[in-house]
Amino acid sequence: MTSFAIYVLAALAEIAGCFGFWAWLRLGKSPAWAVLGVLSLVIFALLLTRIEAGAAGRAFAAYGGVYIIASLAWMRVVEGARPDRWDLIGGVICLAGAALILFGPRTN
């Protein structure tokens, strides 16, 4: 599986996990949402360890850009709120930064 695919799956798992707690604590849903959230966050952590990077911090930093794009997609698809142009421009900038961190030439 490619790094990009792993990052996308990890982002979905993390957002779903955090949303489980949001639903429980902010939307008054059952505590079962939090349990599902914890399971989703475990999947997120396991996926992120599959990234090929020389350092964990580099993998985590690059993931940040993918997370931002995935969060905007979640906002649109799940919450029904349309990202504005500033959301989209910021997301593209972050994704470009993530690509630079992950795929930039290394001297070591």
N, C-alpha and C. Protein backbone atom coordinates (compact mmCIF):
# COMPACT_ATOMS: atom_id res chain seq x y z
N MET A 1 0.85 -1.17 0.00
CA MET A 1 0.00 0.00 0.00
C MET A 1 0.90 1.25 0.00
N THR A 2 0.54 2.25 -0.75
CA THR A 2 1.36 3.45 -0.85
C THR A 2 1.24 4.31 0.40
N SER A 3 2.22 5.16 0.61
CA SER A 3 2.19 6.08 1.75
C SER A 3 0.94 6.95 1.71
N PHE A 4 0.59 7.44 0.52
CA PHE A 4 -0.59 8.30 0.41
C PHE A 4 -1.85 7.56 0.84
N ALA A 5 -2.02 6.32 0.40
CA ALA A 5 -3.20 5.53 0.79
C ALA A 5 -3.24 5.30 2.30
N ILE A 6 -2.08 5.00 2.87
CA ILE A 6 -2.02 4.80 4.33
C ILE A 6 -2.39 6.09 5.05
N TYR A 7 -1.85 7.22 4.57
CA TYR A 7 -2.19 8.49 5.19
C TYR A 7 -3.68 8.79 5.11
N VAL A 8 -4.29 8.52 3.98
CA VAL A 8 -5.73 8.78 3.82
C VAL A 8 -6.53 7.90 4.78
N LEU A 9 -6.19 6.62 4.85
CA LEU A 9 -6.90 5.72 5.77
C LEU A 9 -6.68 6.13 7.23
N ALA A 10 -5.45 6.52 7.54
CA ALA A 10 -5.15 6.97 8.91
C ALA A 10 -5.95 8.21 9.25
N ALA A 11 -6.04 9.14 8.31
CA ALA A 11 -6.79 10.37 8.55
C ALA A 11 -8.26 10.07 8.79
N LEU A 12 -8.83 9.20 7.98
CA LEU A 12 -10.24 8.84 8.18
C LEU A 12 -10.45 8.18 9.54
N ALA A 13 -9.52 7.31 9.93
CA ALA A 13 -9.64 6.66 11.23
C ALA A 13 -9.51 7.66 12.37
N GLU A 14 -8.57 8.60 12.26
CA GLU A 14 -8.41 9.59 13.33
C GLU A 14 -9.61 10.52 13.42
N ILE A 15 -10.08 11.01 12.28
CA ILE A 15 -11.23 11.91 12.30
C ILE A 15 -12.46 11.19 12.82
N ALA A 16 -12.67 9.96 12.40
CA ALA A 16 -13.82 9.19 12.89
C ALA A 16 -13.70 8.96 14.40
N GLY A 17 -12.49 8.69 14.86
CA GLY A 17 -12.29 8.49 16.29
C GLY A 17 -12.59 9.74 17.10
N CYS A 18 -12.08 10.85 16.63
CA CYS A 18 -12.35 12.12 17.34
C CYS A 18 -13.82 12.49 17.25
N PHE A 19 -14.43 12.21 16.10
CA PHE A 19 -15.85 12.51 15.96
C PHE A 19 -16.70 11.65 16.90
N GLY A 20 -16.24 10.43 17.19
CA GLY A 20 -16.96 9.59 18.15
C GLY A 20 -17.07 10.28 19.50
N PHE A 21 -15.98 10.90 19.94
CA PHE A 21 -16.03 11.65 21.20
C PHE A 21 -16.85 12.92 21.07
N TRP A 22 -16.74 13.59 19.95
CA TRP A 22 -17.54 14.79 19.68
C TRP A 22 -19.03 14.45 19.77
N ALA A 23 -19.41 13.34 19.11
CA ALA A 23 -20.82 12.93 19.11
C ALA A 23 -21.30 12.62 20.53
N TRP A 24 -20.46 11.95 21.30
CA TRP A 24 -20.83 11.59 22.67
C TRP A 24 -20.93 12.83 23.56
N LEU A 25 -19.89 13.66 23.55
CA LEU A 25 -19.82 14.77 24.51
C LEU A 25 -20.51 16.04 24.04
N ARG A 26 -20.59 16.28 22.75
CA ARG A 26 -21.16 17.53 22.26
C ARG A 26 -22.55 17.36 21.66
N LEU A 27 -22.83 16.17 21.13
CA LEU A 27 -24.11 15.94 20.47
C LEU A 27 -25.06 15.08 21.30
N GLY A 28 -24.59 14.65 22.48
CA GLY A 28 -25.45 13.87 23.38
C GLY A 28 -25.72 12.45 22.93
N LYS A 29 -24.85 11.89 22.12
CA LYS A 29 -25.02 10.51 21.68
C LYS A 29 -24.60 9.55 22.78
N SER A 30 -24.88 8.28 22.58
CA SER A 30 -24.55 7.22 23.52
C SER A 30 -23.04 7.14 23.77
N PRO A 31 -22.63 6.71 24.99
CA PRO A 31 -21.19 6.48 25.24
C PRO A 31 -20.58 5.43 24.30
N ALA A 32 -21.40 4.64 23.65
CA ALA A 32 -20.88 3.67 22.68
C ALA A 32 -20.13 4.38 21.56
N TRP A 33 -20.49 5.62 21.27
CA TRP A 33 -19.76 6.40 20.27
C TRP A 33 -18.32 6.60 20.70
N ALA A 34 -18.09 6.80 21.98
CA ALA A 34 -16.72 6.98 22.49
C ALA A 34 -15.94 5.67 22.37
N VAL A 35 -16.59 4.56 22.64
CA VAL A 35 -15.92 3.26 22.51
C VAL A 35 -15.49 3.04 21.05
N LEU A 36 -16.39 3.33 20.13
CA LEU A 36 -16.04 3.22 18.72
C LEU A 36 -14.93 4.20 18.36
N GLY A 37 -14.96 5.37 18.99
CA GLY A 37 -13.91 6.36 18.77
C GLY A 37 -12.55 5.84 19.20
N VAL A 38 -12.49 5.20 20.35
CA VAL A 38 -11.22 4.63 20.83
C VAL A 38 -10.71 3.57 19.86
N LEU A 39 -11.58 2.70 19.40
CA LEU A 39 -11.17 1.66 18.45
C LEU A 39 -10.64 2.28 17.16
N SER A 40 -11.31 3.31 16.70
CA SER A 40 -10.88 3.98 15.49
C SER A 40 -9.52 4.66 15.68
N LEU A 41 -9.28 5.23 16.86
CA LEU A 41 -8.00 5.87 17.13
C LEU A 41 -6.86 4.84 17.23
N VAL A 42 -7.16 3.65 17.70
CA VAL A 42 -6.16 2.58 17.72
C VAL A 42 -5.79 2.20 16.28
N ILE A 43 -6.78 2.08 15.42
CA ILE A 43 -6.52 1.77 14.02
C ILE A 43 -5.67 2.87 13.38
N PHE A 44 -5.99 4.13 13.70
CA PHE A 44 -5.21 5.26 13.22
C PHE A 44 -3.73 5.10 13.60
N ALA A 45 -3.47 4.82 14.86
CA ALA A 45 -2.08 4.71 15.32
C ALA A 45 -1.37 3.55 14.63
N LEU A 46 -2.04 2.44 14.47
CA LEU A 46 -1.44 1.29 13.79
C LEU A 46 -1.11 1.62 12.33
N LEU A 47 -2.02 2.31 11.66
CA LEU A 47 -1.77 2.67 10.27
C LEU A 47 -0.58 3.61 10.13
N LEU A 48 -0.50 4.58 11.02
CA LEU A 48 0.57 5.57 10.91
C LEU A 48 1.95 4.94 11.09
N THR A 49 2.04 3.83 11.79
CA THR A 49 3.33 3.16 11.94
C THR A 49 3.78 2.46 10.66
N ARG A 50 2.93 2.37 9.68
CA ARG A 50 3.25 1.69 8.42
C ARG A 50 3.91 2.63 7.40
N ILE A 51 4.02 3.90 7.73
CA ILE A 51 4.62 4.87 6.81
C ILE A 51 6.12 4.65 6.74
N GLU A 52 6.64 4.64 5.52
CA GLU A 52 8.08 4.52 5.31
C GLU A 52 8.71 5.90 5.46
N ALA A 53 9.36 6.14 6.55
CA ALA A 53 10.04 7.42 6.79
C ALA A 53 11.22 7.13 7.71
N GLY A 54 12.25 7.94 7.58
CA GLY A 54 13.45 7.75 8.39
C GLY A 54 13.26 8.09 9.85
N ALA A 55 12.23 8.88 10.16
CA ALA A 55 11.97 9.29 11.54
C ALA A 55 10.47 9.40 11.75
N ALA A 56 10.02 9.03 12.92
CA ALA A 56 8.59 9.11 13.22
C ALA A 56 8.08 10.54 13.09
N GLY A 57 8.88 11.50 13.56
CA GLY A 57 8.46 12.89 13.48
C GLY A 57 8.21 13.36 12.06
N ARG A 58 9.02 12.87 11.12
CA ARG A 58 8.83 13.23 9.71
C ARG A 58 7.52 12.63 9.20
N ALA A 59 7.25 11.40 9.54
CA ALA A 59 6.00 10.76 9.12
C ALA A 59 4.80 11.50 9.71
N PHE A 60 4.89 11.89 10.97
CA PHE A 60 3.79 12.59 11.63
C PHE A 60 3.60 13.98 11.04
N ALA A 61 4.70 14.69 10.75
CA ALA A 61 4.60 16.03 10.19
C ALA A 61 3.95 16.00 8.81
N ALA A 62 4.38 15.06 7.98
CA ALA A 62 3.80 14.94 6.64
C ALA A 62 2.32 14.56 6.73
N TYR A 63 1.98 13.75 7.69
CA TYR A 63 0.58 13.35 7.89
C TYR A 63 -0.32 14.55 8.14
N GLY A 64 0.22 15.58 8.77
CA GLY A 64 -0.58 16.75 9.10
C GLY A 64 -1.29 17.36 7.90
N GLY A 65 -0.62 17.45 6.77
CA GLY A 65 -1.24 18.00 5.57
C GLY A 65 -2.39 17.14 5.06
N VAL A 66 -2.18 15.84 5.08
CA VAL A 66 -3.24 14.92 4.65
C VAL A 66 -4.43 15.01 5.60
N TYR A 67 -4.15 15.13 6.89
CA TYR A 67 -5.21 15.24 7.89
C TYR A 67 -6.08 16.48 7.63
N ILE A 68 -5.45 17.58 7.28
CA ILE A 68 -6.20 18.81 7.03
C ILE A 68 -7.15 18.64 5.84
N ILE A 69 -6.65 18.06 4.76
CA ILE A 69 -7.51 17.83 3.58
C ILE A 69 -8.64 16.87 3.94
N ALA A 70 -8.32 15.81 4.65
CA ALA A 70 -9.34 14.84 5.04
C ALA A 70 -10.38 15.48 5.96
N SER A 71 -9.95 16.38 6.83
CA SER A 71 -10.89 17.07 7.72
C SER A 71 -11.85 17.94 6.94
N LEU A 72 -11.34 18.61 5.92
CA LEU A 72 -12.21 19.43 5.08
C LEU A 72 -13.21 18.56 4.31
N ALA A 73 -12.74 17.40 3.84
CA ALA A 73 -13.65 16.48 3.15
C ALA A 73 -14.71 15.95 4.12
N TRP A 74 -14.30 15.63 5.35
CA TRP A 74 -15.25 15.17 6.38
C TRP A 74 -16.30 16.24 6.64
N MET A 75 -15.84 17.49 6.77
CA MET A 75 -16.76 18.60 7.02
C MET A 75 -17.82 18.67 5.92
N ARG A 76 -17.40 18.46 4.69
CA ARG A 76 -18.32 18.53 3.56
C ARG A 76 -19.25 17.32 3.50
N VAL A 77 -18.67 16.13 3.57
CA VAL A 77 -19.45 14.91 3.35
C VAL A 77 -20.30 14.53 4.56
N VAL A 78 -19.70 14.54 5.75
CA VAL A 78 -20.40 14.07 6.94
C VAL A 78 -21.23 15.17 7.59
N GLU A 79 -20.65 16.37 7.70
CA GLU A 79 -21.34 17.45 8.39
C GLU A 79 -22.15 18.35 7.47
N GLY A 80 -21.96 18.22 6.19
CA GLY A 80 -22.74 19.00 5.24
C GLY A 80 -22.37 20.47 5.16
N ALA A 81 -21.22 20.85 5.68
CA ALA A 81 -20.75 22.24 5.62
C ALA A 81 -19.75 22.37 4.49
N ARG A 82 -19.97 23.32 3.63
CA ARG A 82 -19.10 23.48 2.45
C ARG A 82 -17.86 24.30 2.78
N PRO A 83 -16.66 23.75 2.53
CA PRO A 83 -15.44 24.52 2.74
C PRO A 83 -15.41 25.74 1.81
N ASP A 84 -14.94 26.86 2.33
CA ASP A 84 -14.84 28.04 1.47
C ASP A 84 -13.49 28.06 0.77
N ARG A 85 -13.26 29.08 -0.04
CA ARG A 85 -12.02 29.11 -0.84
C ARG A 85 -10.78 29.17 0.04
N TRP A 86 -10.89 29.80 1.21
CA TRP A 86 -9.74 29.92 2.11
C TRP A 86 -9.42 28.57 2.74
N ASP A 87 -10.45 27.79 3.04
CA ASP A 87 -10.23 26.43 3.51
C ASP A 87 -9.47 25.62 2.46
N LEU A 88 -9.93 25.73 1.22
CA LEU A 88 -9.33 24.94 0.14
C LEU A 88 -7.91 25.39 -0.18
N ILE A 89 -7.68 26.70 -0.23
CA ILE A 89 -6.32 27.20 -0.50
C ILE A 89 -5.38 26.77 0.63
N GLY A 90 -5.82 26.92 1.86
CA GLY A 90 -4.99 26.49 3.00
C GLY A 90 -4.70 25.01 2.96
N GLY A 91 -5.71 24.21 2.58
CA GLY A 91 -5.52 22.77 2.49
C GLY A 91 -4.49 22.39 1.44
N VAL A 92 -4.54 23.04 0.29
CA VAL A 92 -3.57 22.76 -0.78
C VAL A 92 -2.16 23.13 -0.33
N ILE A 93 -2.02 24.27 0.34
CA ILE A 93 -0.70 24.66 0.85
C ILE A 93 -0.17 23.62 1.83
N CYS A 94 -1.03 23.17 2.72
CA CYS A 94 -0.61 22.16 3.71
C CYS A 94 -0.24 20.84 3.05
N LEU A 95 -1.01 20.44 2.05
CA LEU A 95 -0.72 19.19 1.36
C LEU A 95 0.61 19.29 0.60
N ALA A 96 0.87 20.44 0.01
CA ALA A 96 2.16 20.64 -0.67
C ALA A 96 3.30 20.56 0.34
N GLY A 97 3.11 21.13 1.51
CA GLY A 97 4.13 21.04 2.56
C GLY A 97 4.35 19.61 3.01
N ALA A 98 3.28 18.86 3.13
CA ALA A 98 3.39 17.46 3.53
C ALA A 98 4.18 16.67 2.49
N ALA A 99 3.91 16.92 1.21
CA ALA A 99 4.65 16.22 0.15
C ALA A 99 6.14 16.58 0.20
N LEU A 100 6.43 17.84 0.44
CA LEU A 100 7.83 18.27 0.53
C LEU A 100 8.54 17.59 1.70
N ILE A 101 7.88 17.51 2.84
CA ILE A 101 8.47 16.85 4.01
C ILE A 101 8.72 15.37 3.73
N LEU A 102 7.77 14.71 3.14
CA LEU A 102 7.88 13.26 2.95
C LEU A 102 8.77 12.87 1.78
N PHE A 103 8.71 13.62 0.68
CA PHE A 103 9.41 13.20 -0.53
C PHE A 103 10.60 14.08 -0.91
N GLY A 104 10.89 15.11 -0.13
CA GLY A 104 12.01 15.98 -0.43
C GLY A 104 13.32 15.21 -0.39
N PRO A 105 14.31 15.66 -1.18
CA PRO A 105 15.60 14.97 -1.20
C PRO A 105 16.30 15.06 0.15
N ARG A 106 16.88 13.99 0.58
CA ARG A 106 17.58 13.92 1.85
C ARG A 106 19.07 13.73 1.61
N THR A 107 19.88 14.36 2.42
CA THR A 107 21.33 14.19 2.29
C THR A 107 21.87 13.13 3.23
N ASN A 108 21.05 12.64 4.13
CA ASN A 108 21.51 11.62 5.08
C ASN A 108 20.87 10.30 4.83
